[in-house]
Structure formats: C-alpha cells, structure tokens
Amino acid sequence: MNKRLPWILVGILSTVLMLFLLGATDISAPNYGRYQLSSWSTDIGGDRAAVGAFIIDTATGETKTAYTRILDVKGTGIILKNDLKTTFHSIK
C-alpha cells in the first residue's frame, strides 16, 4: 500500500488540476451577431422619399441612425447622414 500511495496522490492531483483547467474556459454568450443593420424608407410627399439605415446593439438594445437620405423621382437627392463606415461607438 505504501508504494501505491504516491501514485494515487499523483492521480488525484492530476484529476483536480484537469478539472480546474477545464472550469477556466469562457462560457459566456458568443459575440457574433451583436450588431444588426436594418433599413427603412418612407414617402414624404411631393414625389420625394426618405431612406435610411440604423444599427442595433442586440446586447444593450441601443439603436443609432447610420444613414439618412432624401430622394426625388430621378433618384438623386440629399444625403443627410452617412456613418456606414464608422464604428458603432463613434456614431453620434
């Protein structure tokens, strides 16, 4: 029994170490799909329409407008806001 005791202790310690290391993994929710882009459009009368896009942070529920444009019949118009190439936290 005395010759087996060190090996039993090594086995117990290695098992405890393995369980400790496996418990150290990150099990939080994945971060992909956190930011969602959605678009909208509306008729504002007089042969004009407004279009735009907003971004939603699905983790916090915060929504920011990223793009707004007023269009006429010809397809030309005025861009009021264009933050499509801006990071979410930089959009005002």
C-alpha atoms as a PDB file:
ATOM      1  CA  MET A   1       0.000   0.000   0.000  1.00  0.00           C
ATOM      2  CA  ASN A   2       2.870   2.410   0.748  1.00  0.00           C
ATOM      3  CA  LYS A   3       4.223   2.040  -2.820  1.00  0.00           C
ATOM      4  CA  ARG A   4       0.816   2.869  -4.332  1.00  0.00           C
ATOM      5  CA  LEU A   5       0.121   5.940  -2.195  1.00  0.00           C
ATOM      6  CA  PRO A   6       2.338   8.372  -4.204  1.00  0.00           C
ATOM      7  CA  TRP A   7       0.715   7.223  -7.474  1.00  0.00           C
ATOM      8  CA  ILE A   8      -2.768   7.610  -6.030  1.00  0.00           C
ATOM      9  CA  LEU A   9      -1.892  11.139  -4.895  1.00  0.00           C
ATOM     10  CA  VAL A  10      -0.480  11.957  -8.364  1.00  0.00           C
ATOM     11  CA  GLY A  11      -3.707  10.659  -9.924  1.00  0.00           C
ATOM     12  CA  ILE A  12      -5.888  12.720  -7.585  1.00  0.00           C
ATOM     13  CA  LEU A  13      -3.804  15.861  -8.118  1.00  0.00           C
ATOM     14  CA  SER A  14      -3.807  15.464 -11.913  1.00  0.00           C
ATOM     15  CA  THR A  15      -7.582  14.936 -11.902  1.00  0.00           C
ATOM     16  CA  VAL A  16      -8.128  18.033  -9.753  1.00  0.00           C
ATOM     17  CA  LEU A  17      -5.768  20.046 -11.980  1.00  0.00           C
ATOM     18  CA  MET A  18      -7.591  18.888 -15.128  1.00  0.00           C
ATOM     19  CA  LEU A  19     -10.997  19.807 -13.658  1.00  0.00           C
ATOM     20  CA  PHE A  20      -9.654  23.190 -12.551  1.00  0.00           C
ATOM     21  CA  LEU A  21      -8.289  23.978 -16.028  1.00  0.00           C
ATOM     22  CA  LEU A  22     -11.455  22.831 -17.779  1.00  0.00           C
ATOM     23  CA  GLY A  23     -13.514  25.030 -15.486  1.00  0.00           C
ATOM     24  CA  ALA A  24     -11.476  28.074 -16.509  1.00  0.00           C
ATOM     25  CA  THR A  25     -12.937  28.184 -20.022  1.00  0.00           C
ATOM     26  CA  ASP A  26     -15.102  31.097 -21.087  1.00  0.00           C
ATOM     27  CA  ILE A  27     -18.736  30.030 -21.328  1.00  0.00           C
ATOM     28  CA  SER A  28     -20.223  33.480 -21.972  1.00  0.00           C
ATOM     29  CA  ALA A  29     -22.545  34.103 -24.884  1.00  0.00           C
ATOM     30  CA  PRO A  30     -20.896  34.445 -28.297  1.00  0.00           C
ATOM     31  CA  ASN A  31     -20.325  37.964 -29.584  1.00  0.00           C
ATOM     32  CA  TYR A  32     -21.149  37.336 -33.254  1.00  0.00           C
ATOM     33  CA  GLY A  33     -24.399  38.839 -34.460  1.00  0.00           C
ATOM     34  CA  ARG A  34     -24.279  41.508 -31.790  1.00  0.00           C
ATOM     35  CA  TYR A  35     -24.751  44.408 -34.204  1.00  0.00           C
ATOM     36  CA  GLN A  36     -27.659  44.213 -36.656  1.00  0.00           C
ATOM     37  CA  LEU A  37     -28.250  46.582 -39.581  1.00  0.00           C
ATOM     38  CA  SER A  38     -31.795  47.420 -40.625  1.00  0.00           C
ATOM     39  CA  SER A  39     -33.119  49.753 -43.308  1.00  0.00           C
ATOM     40  CA  TRP A  40     -36.239  51.853 -43.666  1.00  0.00           C
ATOM     41  CA  SER A  41     -37.985  54.061 -46.215  1.00  0.00           C
ATOM     42  CA  THR A  42     -40.995  56.343 -46.269  1.00  0.00           C
ATOM     43  CA  ASP A  43     -42.860  58.542 -48.708  1.00  0.00           C
ATOM     44  CA  ILE A  44     -42.634  62.209 -47.681  1.00  0.00           C
ATOM     45  CA  GLY A  45     -44.900  63.538 -50.429  1.00  0.00           C
ATOM     46  CA  GLY A  46     -44.256  65.659 -53.483  1.00  0.00           C
ATOM     47  CA  ASP A  47     -42.525  62.799 -55.365  1.00  0.00           C
ATOM     48  CA  ARG A  48     -39.922  62.531 -52.638  1.00  0.00           C
ATOM     49  CA  ALA A  49     -38.982  59.734 -50.292  1.00  0.00           C
ATOM     50  CA  ALA A  50     -36.647  59.289 -47.377  1.00  0.00           C
ATOM     51  CA  VAL A  51     -34.483  56.210 -46.906  1.00  0.00           C
ATOM     52  CA  GLY A  52     -32.080  55.226 -44.190  1.00  0.00           C
ATOM     53  CA  ALA A  53     -30.425  52.587 -42.095  1.00  0.00           C
ATOM     54  CA  PHE A  54     -29.926  52.101 -38.405  1.00  0.00           C
ATOM     55  CA  ILE A  55     -27.761  49.794 -36.336  1.00  0.00           C
ATOM     56  CA  ILE A  56     -28.975  47.915 -33.262  1.00  0.00           C
ATOM     57  CA  ASP A  57     -26.694  46.681 -30.488  1.00  0.00           C
ATOM     58  CA  THR A  58     -28.539  43.477 -29.589  1.00  0.00           C
ATOM     59  CA  ALA A  59     -26.701  43.147 -26.263  1.00  0.00           C
ATOM     60  CA  THR A  60     -27.786  46.547 -24.890  1.00  0.00           C
ATOM     61  CA  GLY A  61     -30.738  47.448 -27.135  1.00  0.00           C
ATOM     62  CA  GLU A  62     -29.125  50.748 -28.124  1.00  0.00           C
ATOM     63  CA  THR A  63     -30.081  51.950 -31.617  1.00  0.00           C
ATOM     64  CA  LYS A  64     -28.217  54.516 -33.730  1.00  0.00           C
ATOM     65  CA  THR A  65     -29.063  56.004 -37.124  1.00  0.00           C
ATOM     66  CA  ALA A  66     -26.230  55.312 -39.555  1.00  0.00           C
ATOM     67  CA  TYR A  67     -27.616  56.614 -42.861  1.00  0.00           C
ATOM     68  CA  THR A  68     -30.358  59.028 -43.946  1.00  0.00           C
ATOM     69  CA  ARG A  69     -31.076  60.300 -47.458  1.00  0.00           C
ATOM     70  CA  ILE A  70     -33.898  62.182 -49.172  1.00  0.00           C
ATOM     71  CA  LEU A  71     -34.564  61.025 -52.757  1.00  0.00           C
ATOM     72  CA  ASP A  72     -36.515  62.574 -55.608  1.00  0.00           C
ATOM     73  CA  VAL A  73     -38.106  60.937 -58.654  1.00  0.00           C
ATOM     74  CA  LYS A  74     -34.802  60.945 -60.590  1.00  0.00           C
ATOM     75  CA  GLY A  75     -33.017  59.031 -57.852  1.00  0.00           C
ATOM     76  CA  THR A  76     -30.883  61.991 -56.855  1.00  0.00           C
ATOM     77  CA  GLY A  77     -31.166  63.611 -53.506  1.00  0.00           C
ATOM     78  CA  ILE A  78     -29.512  64.892 -50.385  1.00  0.00           C
ATOM     79  CA  ILE A  79     -27.541  62.682 -48.013  1.00  0.00           C
ATOM     80  CA  LEU A  80     -28.282  63.940 -44.524  1.00  0.00           C
ATOM     81  CA  LYS A  81     -26.143  61.420 -42.650  1.00  0.00           C
ATOM     82  CA  ASN A  82     -23.635  58.774 -43.753  1.00  0.00           C
ATOM     83  CA  ASP A  83     -21.914  56.891 -40.928  1.00  0.00           C
ATOM     84  CA  LEU A  84     -21.936  53.466 -42.601  1.00  0.00           C
ATOM     85  CA  LYS A  85     -18.136  53.156 -42.396  1.00  0.00           C
ATOM     86  CA  THR A  86     -17.973  54.362 -38.798  1.00  0.00           C
ATOM     87  CA  THR A  87     -17.722  52.175 -35.715  1.00  0.00           C
ATOM     88  CA  PHE A  88     -20.874  51.840 -33.618  1.00  0.00           C
ATOM     89  CA  HIS A  89     -19.444  53.694 -30.629  1.00  0.00           C
ATOM     90  CA  SER A  90     -18.278  56.603 -32.836  1.00  0.00           C
ATOM     91  CA  ILE A  91     -21.737  57.270 -34.302  1.00  0.00           C
ATOM     92  CA  LYS A  92     -23.445  60.246 -32.651  1.00  0.00           C
END
